[in-house]
Amino acid sequence: MVLSESRFCVKLITKGDIKMANICDADLLNKTISEGNLVMHISPDYFGEEIVGLEEALKIVEETPILNLAGNNIVSKVIEANLASPRAVREIGCVKFLLVFKFKHTKAQAKKRS
């Protein structure tokens, strides 16, 4: 028996120097998740630009400073790889979500602050 590789939908966004990636589990694409009054649609326009495997998804997570992750699989894999804190994970209708913002300062910026 061959296990199918995890698949993820990815949309990369660049505005000037700012880079962001939206990544979701492929099986969530075009689904609607709800809990109480909160309703979220996992839109192909927002998440569905490209299909990648786990290795490529984790590479994107490592290289991109702003991330919006949706899905139990991608969020769990990112946590297992120590690329984000499990304390930042939220759930809506049993589906995990994670927002990541990485801040980097140059030595010159750090010196100005001290």
PDB file of N, CA and C in Angstrom:
ATOM      1  N   MET A   1       0.837  -1.181   0.000  1.00  0.00           N
ATOM      2  CA  MET A   1       0.000   0.000   0.000  1.00  0.00           C
ATOM      3  C   MET A   1       0.885   1.247   0.000  1.00  0.00           C
ATOM      4  N   VAL A   2       0.577   2.187  -0.881  1.00  0.00           N
ATOM      5  CA  VAL A   2       1.338   3.427  -0.988  1.00  0.00           C
ATOM      6  C   VAL A   2       0.518   4.550  -0.377  1.00  0.00           C
ATOM      7  N   LEU A   3       1.116   5.242   0.571  1.00  0.00           N
ATOM      8  CA  LEU A   3       0.439   6.382   1.177  1.00  0.00           C
ATOM      9  C   LEU A   3       0.579   7.591   0.266  1.00  0.00           C
ATOM     10  N   SER A   4      -0.521   8.296   0.059  1.00  0.00           N
ATOM     11  CA  SER A   4      -0.438   9.477  -0.794  1.00  0.00           C
ATOM     12  C   SER A   4       0.260  10.603  -0.038  1.00  0.00           C
ATOM     13  N   GLU A   5       1.030  11.364  -0.771  1.00  0.00           N
ATOM     14  CA  GLU A   5       1.760  12.479  -0.175  1.00  0.00           C
ATOM     15  C   GLU A   5       0.777  13.587   0.196  1.00  0.00           C
ATOM     16  N   SER A   6       1.059  14.279   1.274  1.00  0.00           N
ATOM     17  CA  SER A   6       0.239  15.420   1.671  1.00  0.00           C
ATOM     18  C   SER A   6       0.293  16.477   0.580  1.00  0.00           C
ATOM     19  N   ARG A   7      -0.849  17.080   0.309  1.00  0.00           N
ATOM     20  CA  ARG A   7      -0.933  18.117  -0.721  1.00  0.00           C
ATOM     21  C   ARG A   7      -1.490  19.388  -0.093  1.00  0.00           C
ATOM     22  N   PHE A   8      -0.947  20.509  -0.534  1.00  0.00           N
ATOM     23  CA  PHE A   8      -1.344  21.793   0.015  1.00  0.00           C
ATOM     24  C   PHE A   8      -1.557  22.794  -1.110  1.00  0.00           C
ATOM     25  N   CYS A   9      -2.505  23.692  -0.924  1.00  0.00           N
ATOM     26  CA  CYS A   9      -2.732  24.790  -1.858  1.00  0.00           C
ATOM     27  C   CYS A   9      -1.975  25.999  -1.336  1.00  0.00           C
ATOM     28  N   VAL A  10      -1.277  26.669  -2.233  1.00  0.00           N
ATOM     29  CA  VAL A  10      -0.428  27.797  -1.842  1.00  0.00           C
ATOM     30  C   VAL A  10      -0.699  28.988  -2.746  1.00  0.00           C
ATOM     31  N   LYS A  11      -0.771  30.147  -2.130  1.00  0.00           N
ATOM     32  CA  LYS A  11      -0.803  31.395  -2.885  1.00  0.00           C
ATOM     33  C   LYS A  11       0.267  32.300  -2.295  1.00  0.00           C
ATOM     34  N   LEU A  12       1.198  32.710  -3.132  1.00  0.00           N
ATOM     35  CA  LEU A  12       2.279  33.611  -2.717  1.00  0.00           C
ATOM     36  C   LEU A  12       1.931  35.029  -3.152  1.00  0.00           C
ATOM     37  N   ILE A  13       2.122  35.970  -2.245  1.00  0.00           N
ATOM     38  CA  ILE A  13       1.784  37.365  -2.506  1.00  0.00           C
ATOM     39  C   ILE A  13       3.010  38.217  -2.190  1.00  0.00           C
ATOM     40  N   THR A  14       3.355  39.120  -3.109  1.00  0.00           N
ATOM     41  CA  THR A  14       4.457  40.051  -2.883  1.00  0.00           C
ATOM     42  C   THR A  14       3.968  41.459  -3.178  1.00  0.00           C
ATOM     43  N   LYS A  15       4.126  42.341  -2.215  1.00  0.00           N
ATOM     44  CA  LYS A  15       3.812  43.766  -2.374  1.00  0.00           C
ATOM     45  C   LYS A  15       5.045  44.535  -1.933  1.00  0.00           C
ATOM     46  N   GLY A  16       5.804  45.037  -2.891  1.00  0.00           N
ATOM     47  CA  GLY A  16       7.058  45.712  -2.556  1.00  0.00           C
ATOM     48  C   GLY A  16       8.013  44.725  -1.917  1.00  0.00           C
ATOM     49  N   ASP A  17       8.485  45.038  -0.712  1.00  0.00           N
ATOM     50  CA  ASP A  17       9.403  44.154   0.010  1.00  0.00           C
ATOM     51  C   ASP A  17       8.680  43.145   0.894  1.00  0.00           C
ATOM     52  N   ILE A  18       7.360  43.226   0.941  1.00  0.00           N
ATOM     53  CA  ILE A  18       6.579  42.356   1.830  1.00  0.00           C
ATOM     54  C   ILE A  18       6.160  41.094   1.093  1.00  0.00           C
ATOM     55  N   LYS A  19       6.465  39.943   1.721  1.00  0.00           N
ATOM     56  CA  LYS A  19       6.093  38.650   1.141  1.00  0.00           C
ATOM     57  C   LYS A  19       5.175  37.921   2.107  1.00  0.00           C
ATOM     58  N   MET A  20       4.133  37.303   1.554  1.00  0.00           N
ATOM     59  CA  MET A  20       3.156  36.579   2.356  1.00  0.00           C
ATOM     60  C   MET A  20       2.779  35.304   1.623  1.00  0.00           C
ATOM     61  N   ALA A  21       2.477  34.262   2.389  1.00  0.00           N
ATOM     62  CA  ALA A  21       2.006  33.008   1.800  1.00  0.00           C
ATOM     63  C   ALA A  21       0.744  32.560   2.519  1.00  0.00           C
ATOM     64  N   ASN A  22      -0.259  32.192   1.744  1.00  0.00           N
ATOM     65  CA  ASN A  22      -1.466  31.559   2.260  1.00  0.00           C
ATOM     66  C   ASN A  22      -1.363  30.086   1.889  1.00  0.00           C
ATOM     67  N   ILE A  23      -1.450  29.200   2.867  1.00  0.00           N
ATOM     68  CA  ILE A  23      -1.320  27.761   2.618  1.00  0.00           C
ATOM     69  C   ILE A  23      -2.448  27.043   3.344  1.00  0.00           C
ATOM     70  N   CYS A  24      -3.122  26.133   2.629  1.00  0.00           N
ATOM     71  CA  CYS A  24      -4.155  25.321   3.272  1.00  0.00           C
ATOM     72  C   CYS A  24      -4.018  23.869   2.833  1.00  0.00           C
ATOM     73  N   ASP A  25      -4.570  22.968   3.651  1.00  0.00           N
ATOM     74  CA  ASP A  25      -4.665  21.570   3.249  1.00  0.00           C
ATOM     75  C   ASP A  25      -5.515  21.520   1.981  1.00  0.00           C
ATOM     76  N   ALA A  26      -5.060  20.786   0.974  1.00  0.00           N
ATOM     77  CA  ALA A  26      -5.760  20.759  -0.313  1.00  0.00           C
ATOM     78  C   ALA A  26      -7.208  20.294  -0.182  1.00  0.00           C
ATOM     79  N   ASP A  27      -7.478  19.386   0.748  1.00  0.00           N
ATOM     80  CA  ASP A  27      -8.850  18.878   0.876  1.00  0.00           C
ATOM     81  C   ASP A  27      -9.813  19.899   1.481  1.00  0.00           C
ATOM     82  N   LEU A  28      -9.306  21.015   1.986  1.00  0.00           N
ATOM     83  CA  LEU A  28     -10.171  22.069   2.530  1.00  0.00           C
ATOM     84  C   LEU A  28     -10.604  23.085   1.481  1.00  0.00           C
ATOM     85  N   LEU A  29      -9.921  23.091   0.342  1.00  0.00           N
ATOM     86  CA  LEU A  29     -10.188  24.111  -0.668  1.00  0.00           C
ATOM     87  C   LEU A  29     -11.658  24.104  -1.082  1.00  0.00           C
ATOM     88  N   ASN A  30     -12.242  25.287  -1.090  1.00  0.00           N
ATOM     89  CA  ASN A  30     -13.631  25.517  -1.479  1.00  0.00           C
ATOM     90  C   ASN A  30     -14.639  24.977  -0.464  1.00  0.00           C
ATOM     91  N   LYS A  31     -14.193  24.745   0.763  1.00  0.00           N
ATOM     92  CA  LYS A  31     -15.092  24.300   1.830  1.00  0.00           C
ATOM     93  C   LYS A  31     -15.401  25.483   2.738  1.00  0.00           C
ATOM     94  N   THR A  32     -16.510  25.387   3.433  1.00  0.00           N
ATOM     95  CA  THR A  32     -16.903  26.400   4.402  1.00  0.00           C
ATOM     96  C   THR A  32     -16.862  25.788   5.793  1.00  0.00           C
ATOM     97  N   ILE A  33     -16.214  26.486   6.704  1.00  0.00           N
ATOM     98  CA  ILE A  33     -16.043  26.026   8.081  1.00  0.00           C
ATOM     99  C   ILE A  33     -16.799  27.006   8.969  1.00  0.00           C
ATOM    100  N   SER A  34     -17.496  26.475   9.959  1.00  0.00           N
ATOM    101  CA  SER A  34     -18.221  27.382  10.844  1.00  0.00           C
ATOM    102  C   SER A  34     -18.192  26.891  12.282  1.00  0.00           C
ATOM    103  N   GLU A  35     -18.322  27.864  13.157  1.00  0.00           N
ATOM    104  CA  GLU A  35     -18.433  27.594  14.588  1.00  0.00           C
ATOM    105  C   GLU A  35     -19.188  28.770  15.184  1.00  0.00           C
ATOM    106  N   GLY A  36     -20.368  28.499  15.722  1.00  0.00           N
ATOM    107  CA  GLY A  36     -21.200  29.586  16.226  1.00  0.00           C
ATOM    108  C   GLY A  36     -21.544  30.546  15.103  1.00  0.00           C
ATOM    109  N   ASN A  37     -21.329  31.834  15.346  1.00  0.00           N
ATOM    110  CA  ASN A  37     -21.608  32.856  14.329  1.00  0.00           C
ATOM    111  C   ASN A  37     -20.456  33.060  13.349  1.00  0.00           C
ATOM    112  N   LEU A  38     -19.330  32.409  13.586  1.00  0.00           N
ATOM    113  CA  LEU A  38     -18.158  32.574  12.732  1.00  0.00           C
ATOM    114  C   LEU A  38     -18.221  31.594  11.561  1.00  0.00           C
ATOM    115  N   VAL A  39     -18.163  32.134  10.345  1.00  0.00           N
ATOM    116  CA  VAL A  39     -18.189  31.318   9.130  1.00  0.00           C
ATOM    117  C   VAL A  39     -16.991  31.720   8.280  1.00  0.00           C
ATOM    118  N   MET A  40     -16.205  30.730   7.841  1.00  0.00           N
ATOM    119  CA  MET A  40     -15.032  31.008   7.024  1.00  0.00           C
ATOM    120  C   MET A  40     -15.041  30.100   5.793  1.00  0.00           C
ATOM    121  N   HIS A  41     -14.908  30.716   4.624  1.00  0.00           N
ATOM    122  CA  HIS A  41     -14.837  29.961   3.369  1.00  0.00           C
ATOM    123  C   HIS A  41     -13.373  29.852   2.950  1.00  0.00           C
ATOM    124  N   ILE A  42     -12.914  28.640   2.692  1.00  0.00           N
ATOM    125  CA  ILE A  42     -11.531  28.419   2.240  1.00  0.00           C
ATOM    126  C   ILE A  42     -11.548  28.572   0.716  1.00  0.00           C
ATOM    127  N   SER A  43     -11.339  29.779   0.285  1.00  0.00           N
ATOM    128  CA  SER A  43     -11.529  30.180  -1.106  1.00  0.00           C
ATOM    129  C   SER A  43     -10.336  29.848  -2.004  1.00  0.00           C
ATOM    130  N   PRO A  44     -10.620  29.339  -3.220  1.00  0.00           N
ATOM    131  CA  PRO A  44      -9.535  29.144  -4.193  1.00  0.00           C
ATOM    132  C   PRO A  44      -8.844  30.462  -4.556  1.00  0.00           C
ATOM    133  N   ASP A  45      -9.576  31.568  -4.518  1.00  0.00           N
ATOM    134  CA  ASP A  45      -8.959  32.870  -4.815  1.00  0.00           C
ATOM    135  C   ASP A  45      -7.929  33.249  -3.761  1.00  0.00           C
ATOM    136  N   TYR A  46      -8.155  32.837  -2.522  1.00  0.00           N
ATOM    137  CA  TYR A  46      -7.261  33.196  -1.431  1.00  0.00           C
ATOM    138  C   TYR A  46      -6.145  32.174  -1.234  1.00  0.00           C
ATOM    139  N   PHE A  47      -6.458  30.889  -1.357  1.00  0.00           N
ATOM    140  CA  PHE A  47      -5.488  29.828  -1.073  1.00  0.00           C
ATOM    141  C   PHE A  47      -5.054  29.018  -2.294  1.00  0.00           C
ATOM    142  N   GLY A  48      -5.811  29.025  -3.373  1.00  0.00           N
ATOM    143  CA  GLY A  48      -5.664  27.970  -4.362  1.00  0.00           C
ATOM    144  C   GLY A  48      -4.861  28.212  -5.596  1.00  0.00           C
ATOM    145  N   GLU A  49      -3.792  28.953  -5.520  1.00  0.00           N
ATOM    146  CA  GLU A  49      -3.032  29.261  -6.728  1.00  0.00           C
ATOM    147  C   GLU A  49      -2.162  28.100  -7.217  1.00  0.00           C
ATOM    148  N   GLU A  50      -1.594  27.339  -6.323  1.00  0.00           N
ATOM    149  CA  GLU A  50      -0.627  26.296  -6.705  1.00  0.00           C
ATOM    150  C   GLU A  50      -0.744  25.121  -5.732  1.00  0.00           C
ATOM    151  N   ILE A  51      -0.573  23.896  -6.235  1.00  0.00           N
ATOM    152  CA  ILE A  51      -0.584  22.697  -5.391  1.00  0.00           C
ATOM    153  C   ILE A  51       0.866  22.252  -5.181  1.00  0.00           C
ATOM    154  N   VAL A  52       1.239  22.035  -3.904  1.00  0.00           N
ATOM    155  CA  VAL A  52       2.601  21.594  -3.583  1.00  0.00           C
ATOM    156  C   VAL A  52       2.553  20.451  -2.580  1.00  0.00           C
ATOM    157  N   GLY A  53       3.655  19.725  -2.477  1.00  0.00           N
ATOM    158  CA  GLY A  53       3.801  18.673  -1.478  1.00  0.00           C
ATOM    159  C   GLY A  53       4.342  19.245  -0.176  1.00  0.00           C
ATOM    160  N   LEU A  54       4.518  18.370   0.804  1.00  0.00           N
ATOM    161  CA  LEU A  54       4.950  18.795   2.135  1.00  0.00           C
ATOM    162  C   LEU A  54       6.315  19.476   2.115  1.00  0.00           C
ATOM    163  N   GLU A  55       7.274  18.909   1.422  1.00  0.00           N
ATOM    164  CA  GLU A  55       8.626  19.480   1.407  1.00  0.00           C
ATOM    165  C   GLU A  55       8.618  20.919   0.894  1.00  0.00           C
ATOM    166  N   GLU A  56       7.908  21.155  -0.200  1.00  0.00           N
ATOM    167  CA  GLU A  56       7.837  22.508  -0.765  1.00  0.00           C
ATOM    168  C   GLU A  56       7.068  23.449   0.162  1.00  0.00           C
ATOM    169  N   ALA A  57       5.995  22.958   0.774  1.00  0.00           N
ATOM    170  CA  ALA A  57       5.215  23.792   1.701  1.00  0.00           C
ATOM    171  C   ALA A  57       6.075  24.234   2.881  1.00  0.00           C
ATOM    172  N   LEU A  58       6.847  23.315   3.452  1.00  0.00           N
ATOM    173  CA  LEU A  58       7.704  23.671   4.590  1.00  0.00           C
ATOM    174  C   LEU A  58       8.816  24.632   4.175  1.00  0.00           C
ATOM    175  N   LYS A  59       9.318  24.488   2.969  1.00  0.00           N
ATOM    176  CA  LYS A  59      10.336  25.420   2.461  1.00  0.00           C
ATOM    177  C   LYS A  59       9.748  26.833   2.356  1.00  0.00           C
ATOM    178  N   ILE A  60       8.519  26.921   1.861  1.00  0.00           N
ATOM    179  CA  ILE A  60       7.847  28.221   1.761  1.00  0.00           C
ATOM    180  C   ILE A  60       7.653  28.818   3.150  1.00  0.00           C
ATOM    181  N   VAL A  61       7.242  27.988   4.114  1.00  0.00           N
ATOM    182  CA  VAL A  61       7.048  28.460   5.490  1.00  0.00           C
ATOM    183  C   VAL A  61       8.359  28.999   6.061  1.00  0.00           C
ATOM    184  N   GLU A  62       9.460  28.308   5.816  1.00  0.00           N
ATOM    185  CA  GLU A  62      10.762  28.752   6.328  1.00  0.00           C
ATOM    186  C   GLU A  62      11.196  30.078   5.717  1.00  0.00           C
ATOM    187  N   GLU A  63      10.871  30.297   4.441  1.00  0.00           N
ATOM    188  CA  GLU A  63      11.394  31.449   3.701  1.00  0.00           C
ATOM    189  C   GLU A  63      10.475  32.669   3.681  1.00  0.00           C
ATOM    190  N   THR A  64       9.248  32.536   4.147  1.00  0.00           N
ATOM    191  CA  THR A  64       8.271  33.613   4.018  1.00  0.00           C
ATOM    192  C   THR A  64       7.960  34.227   5.382  1.00  0.00           C
ATOM    193  N   PRO A  65       8.039  35.556   5.503  1.00  0.00           N
ATOM    194  CA  PRO A  65       7.872  36.181   6.817  1.00  0.00           C
ATOM    195  C   PRO A  65       6.432  36.294   7.327  1.00  0.00           C
ATOM    196  N   ILE A  66       5.443  36.286   6.433  1.00  0.00           N
ATOM    197  CA  ILE A  66       4.049  36.381   6.862  1.00  0.00           C
ATOM    198  C   ILE A  66       3.301  35.186   6.289  1.00  0.00           C
ATOM    199  N   LEU A  67       2.651  34.428   7.180  1.00  0.00           N
ATOM    200  CA  LEU A  67       1.976  33.195   6.770  1.00  0.00           C
ATOM    201  C   LEU A  67       0.563  33.143   7.316  1.00  0.00           C
ATOM    202  N   ASN A  68      -0.342  32.647   6.496  1.00  0.00           N
ATOM    203  CA  ASN A  68      -1.702  32.366   6.914  1.00  0.00           C
ATOM    204  C   ASN A  68      -1.938  30.894   6.586  1.00  0.00           C
ATOM    205  N   LEU A  69      -2.006  30.057   7.610  1.00  0.00           N
ATOM    206  CA  LEU A  69      -2.114  28.611   7.421  1.00  0.00           C
ATOM    207  C   LEU A  69      -3.478  28.126   7.884  1.00  0.00           C
ATOM    208  N   ALA A  70      -4.097  27.262   7.074  1.00  0.00           N
ATOM    209  CA  ALA A  70      -5.405  26.703   7.415  1.00  0.00           C
ATOM    210  C   ALA A  70      -5.384  25.203   7.158  1.00  0.00           C
ATOM    211  N   GLY A  71      -5.734  24.442   8.183  1.00  0.00           N
ATOM    212  CA  GLY A  71      -5.830  22.993   8.019  1.00  0.00           C
ATOM    213  C   GLY A  71      -5.032  22.250   9.066  1.00  0.00           C
ATOM    214  N   ASN A  72      -5.587  21.162   9.533  1.00  0.00           N
ATOM    215  CA  ASN A  72      -4.939  20.378  10.586  1.00  0.00           C
ATOM    216  C   ASN A  72      -3.590  19.828  10.139  1.00  0.00           C
ATOM    217  N   ASN A  73      -3.482  19.422   8.877  1.00  0.00           N
ATOM    218  CA  ASN A  73      -2.241  18.816   8.397  1.00  0.00           C
ATOM    219  C   ASN A  73      -1.105  19.837   8.312  1.00  0.00           C
ATOM    220  N   ILE A  74      -1.320  20.945   7.597  1.00  0.00           N
ATOM    221  CA  ILE A  74      -0.236  21.926   7.440  1.00  0.00           C
ATOM    222  C   ILE A  74       0.156  22.528   8.781  1.00  0.00           C
ATOM    223  N   VAL A  75      -0.823  22.838   9.618  1.00  0.00           N
ATOM    224  CA  VAL A  75      -0.502  23.432  10.921  1.00  0.00           C
ATOM    225  C   VAL A  75       0.286  22.441  11.774  1.00  0.00           C
ATOM    226  N   SER A  76      -0.137  21.185  11.807  1.00  0.00           N
ATOM    227  CA  SER A  76       0.581  20.169  12.592  1.00  0.00           C
ATOM    228  C   SER A  76       2.004  19.967  12.089  1.00  0.00           C
ATOM    229  N   LYS A  77       2.184  19.934  10.767  1.00  0.00           N
ATOM    230  CA  LYS A  77       3.526  19.733  10.193  1.00  0.00           C
ATOM    231  C   LYS A  77       4.444  20.914  10.515  1.00  0.00           C
ATOM    232  N   VAL A  78       3.919  22.123  10.485  1.00  0.00           N
ATOM    233  CA  VAL A  78       4.714  23.312  10.805  1.00  0.00           C
ATOM    234  C   VAL A  78       5.119  23.297  12.281  1.00  0.00           C
ATOM    235  N   ILE A  79       4.209  22.901  13.157  1.00  0.00           N
ATOM    236  CA  ILE A  79       4.514  22.803  14.589  1.00  0.00           C
ATOM    237  C   ILE A  79       5.550  21.704  14.827  1.00  0.00           C
ATOM    238  N   GLU A  80       5.367  20.533  14.195  1.00  0.00           N
ATOM    239  CA  GLU A  80       6.320  19.418  14.342  1.00  0.00           C
ATOM    240  C   GLU A  80       7.720  19.814  13.891  1.00  0.00           C
ATOM    241  N   ALA A  81       7.817  20.678  12.874  1.00  0.00           N
ATOM    242  CA  ALA A  81       9.112  21.129  12.354  1.00  0.00           C
ATOM    243  C   ALA A  81       9.681  22.293  13.169  1.00  0.00           C
ATOM    244  N   ASN A  82       9.017  22.656  14.267  1.00  0.00           N
ATOM    245  CA  ASN A  82       9.443  23.763  15.133  1.00  0.00           C
ATOM    246  C   ASN A  82       9.550  25.092  14.390  1.00  0.00           C
ATOM    247  N   LEU A  83       8.628  25.311  13.452  1.00  0.00           N
ATOM    248  CA  LEU A  83       8.627  26.555  12.693  1.00  0.00           C
ATOM    249  C   LEU A  83       7.618  27.566  13.232  1.00  0.00           C
ATOM    250  N   ALA A  84       6.857  27.164  14.246  1.00  0.00           N
ATOM    251  CA  ALA A  84       5.894  28.059  14.893  1.00  0.00           C
ATOM    252  C   ALA A  84       5.549  27.489  16.260  1.00  0.00           C
ATOM    253  N   SER A  85       4.942  28.318  17.077  1.00  0.00           N
ATOM    254  CA  SER A  85       4.567  27.906  18.428  1.00  0.00           C
ATOM    255  C   SER A  85       3.168  27.287  18.443  1.00  0.00           C
ATOM    256  N   PRO A  86       3.005  26.165  19.124  1.00  0.00           N
ATOM    257  CA  PRO A  86       1.667  25.573  19.231  1.00  0.00           C
ATOM    258  C   PRO A  86       0.692  26.474  19.990  1.00  0.00           C
ATOM    259  N   ARG A  87       1.215  27.402  20.785  1.00  0.00           N
ATOM    260  CA  ARG A  87       0.345  28.327  21.527  1.00  0.00           C
ATOM    261  C   ARG A  87      -0.394  29.293  20.606  1.00  0.00           C
ATOM    262  N   ALA A  88       0.097  29.466  19.379  1.00  0.00           N
ATOM    263  CA  ALA A  88      -0.526  30.401  18.443  1.00  0.00           C
ATOM    264  C   ALA A  88      -1.648  29.765  17.620  1.00  0.00           C
ATOM    265  N   VAL A  89      -1.837  28.473  17.746  1.00  0.00           N
ATOM    266  CA  VAL A  89      -2.838  27.758  16.948  1.00  0.00           C
ATOM    267  C   VAL A  89      -4.239  28.042  17.490  1.00  0.00           C
ATOM    268  N   ARG A  90      -5.161  28.308  16.579  1.00  0.00           N
ATOM    269  CA  ARG A  90      -6.574  28.484  16.908  1.00  0.00           C
ATOM    270  C   ARG A  90      -7.383  27.477  16.099  1.00  0.00           C
ATOM    271  N   GLU A  91      -8.565  27.152  16.584  1.00  0.00           N
ATOM    272  CA  GLU A  91      -9.437  26.220  15.866  1.00  0.00           C
ATOM    273  C   GLU A  91     -10.793  26.854  15.615  1.00  0.00           C
ATOM    274  N   ILE A  92     -11.305  26.598  14.431  1.00  0.00           N
ATOM    275  CA  ILE A  92     -12.667  26.966  14.069  1.00  0.00           C
ATOM    276  C   ILE A  92     -13.310  25.693  13.535  1.00  0.00           C
ATOM    277  N   GLY A  93     -14.342  25.229  14.193  1.00  0.00           N
ATOM    278  CA  GLY A  93     -15.028  24.018  13.742  1.00  0.00           C
ATOM    279  C   GLY A  93     -14.100  22.829  13.596  1.00  0.00           C
ATOM    280  N   CYS A  94     -13.196  22.626  14.526  1.00  0.00           N
ATOM    281  CA  CYS A  94     -12.218  21.516  14.538  1.00  0.00           C
ATOM    282  C   CYS A  94     -11.138  21.626  13.465  1.00  0.00           C
ATOM    283  N   VAL A  95     -11.012  22.763  12.810  1.00  0.00           N
ATOM    284  CA  VAL A  95      -9.957  22.984  11.815  1.00  0.00           C
ATOM    285  C   VAL A  95      -8.959  23.971  12.409  1.00  0.00           C
ATOM    286  N   LYS A  96      -7.682  23.609  12.350  1.00  0.00           N
ATOM    287  CA  LYS A  96      -6.620  24.451  12.915  1.00  0.00           C
ATOM    288  C   LYS A  96      -6.236  25.581  11.959  1.00  0.00           C
ATOM    289  N   PHE A  97      -5.961  26.742  12.561  1.00  0.00           N
ATOM    290  CA  PHE A  97      -5.494  27.918  11.833  1.00  0.00           C
ATOM    291  C   PHE A  97      -4.284  28.479  12.560  1.00  0.00           C
ATOM    292  N   LEU A  98      -3.376  29.069  11.791  1.00  0.00           N
ATOM    293  CA  LEU A  98      -2.169  29.639  12.380  1.00  0.00           C
ATOM    294  C   LEU A  98      -1.713  30.828  11.543  1.00  0.00           C
ATOM    295  N   LEU A  99      -1.541  31.968  12.193  1.00  0.00           N
ATOM    296  CA  LEU A  99      -0.959  33.145  11.556  1.00  0.00           C
ATOM    297  C   LEU A  99       0.448  33.320  12.101  1.00  0.00           C
ATOM    298  N   VAL A 100       1.397  33.570  11.212  1.00  0.00           N
ATOM    299  CA  VAL A 100       2.793  33.728  11.613  1.00  0.00           C
ATOM    300  C   VAL A 100       3.321  35.037  11.045  1.00  0.00           C
ATOM    301  N   PHE A 101       3.942  35.823  11.913  1.00  0.00           N
ATOM    302  CA  PHE A 101       4.626  37.052  11.514  1.00  0.00           C
ATOM    303  C   PHE A 101       6.049  36.960  12.046  1.00  0.00           C
ATOM    304  N   LYS A 102       7.025  36.939  11.148  1.00  0.00           N
ATOM    305  CA  LYS A 102       8.429  36.864  11.558  1.00  0.00           C
ATOM    306  C   LYS A 102       9.040  38.255  11.418  1.00  0.00           C
ATOM    307  N   PHE A 103       9.646  38.727  12.491  1.00  0.00           N
ATOM    308  CA  PHE A 103      10.272  40.040  12.476  1.00  0.00           C
ATOM    309  C   PHE A 103      11.782  39.870  12.517  1.00  0.00           C
ATOM    310  N   LYS A 104      12.454  40.522  11.590  1.00  0.00           N
ATOM    311  CA  LYS A 104      13.914  40.473  11.552  1.00  0.00           C
ATOM    312  C   LYS A 104      14.437  41.898  11.574  1.00  0.00           C
ATOM    313  N   HIS A 105      15.443  42.115  12.380  1.00  0.00           N
ATOM    314  CA  HIS A 105      16.076  43.426  12.456  1.00  0.00           C
ATOM    315  C   HIS A 105      17.524  43.301  12.005  1.00  0.00           C
ATOM    316  N   THR A 106      17.963  44.293  11.266  1.00  0.00           N
ATOM    317  CA  THR A 106      19.374  44.326  10.903  1.00  0.00           C
ATOM    318  C   THR A 106      20.163  44.808  12.112  1.00  0.00           C
ATOM    319  N   LYS A 107      21.462  44.640  12.086  1.00  0.00           N
ATOM    320  CA  LYS A 107      22.307  45.120  13.184  1.00  0.00           C
ATOM    321  C   LYS A 107      22.167  46.630  13.349  1.00  0.00           C
ATOM    322  N   ALA A 108      22.032  47.350  12.245  1.00  0.00           N
ATOM    323  CA  ALA A 108      21.878  48.807  12.311  1.00  0.00           C
ATOM    324  C   ALA A 108      20.575  49.175  13.009  1.00  0.00           C
ATOM    325  N   GLN A 109      19.485  48.449  12.716  1.00  0.00           N
ATOM    326  CA  GLN A 109      18.204  48.718  13.372  1.00  0.00           C
ATOM    327  C   GLN A 109      18.291  48.411  14.863  1.00  0.00           C
ATOM    328  N   ALA A 110      18.938  47.322  15.216  1.00  0.00           N
ATOM    329  CA  ALA A 110      19.077  46.941  16.625  1.00  0.00           C
ATOM    330  C   ALA A 110      19.910  47.976  17.377  1.00  0.00           C
ATOM    331  N   LYS A 111      20.949  48.502  16.731  1.00  0.00           N
ATOM    332  CA  LYS A 111      21.818  49.494  17.363  1.00  0.00           C
ATOM    333  C   LYS A 111      21.050  50.791  17.637  1.00  0.00           C
ATOM    334  N   LYS A 112      20.172  51.188  16.705  1.00  0.00           N
ATOM    335  CA  LYS A 112      19.373  52.399  16.881  1.00  0.00           C
ATOM    336  C   LYS A 112      18.457  52.283  18.090  1.00  0.00           C
ATOM    337  N   ARG A 113      17.970  51.100  18.362  1.00  0.00           N
ATOM    338  CA  ARG A 113      17.030  50.888  19.458  1.00  0.00           C
ATOM    339  C   ARG A 113      17.714  50.900  20.819  1.00  0.00           C
ATOM    340  N   SER A 114      19.017  50.638  20.871  1.00  0.00           N
ATOM    341  CA  SER A 114      19.688  50.584  22.183  1.00  0.00           C
ATOM    342  C   SER A 114      20.262  51.905  22.600  1.00  0.00           C
TER     343      SER A 114
END
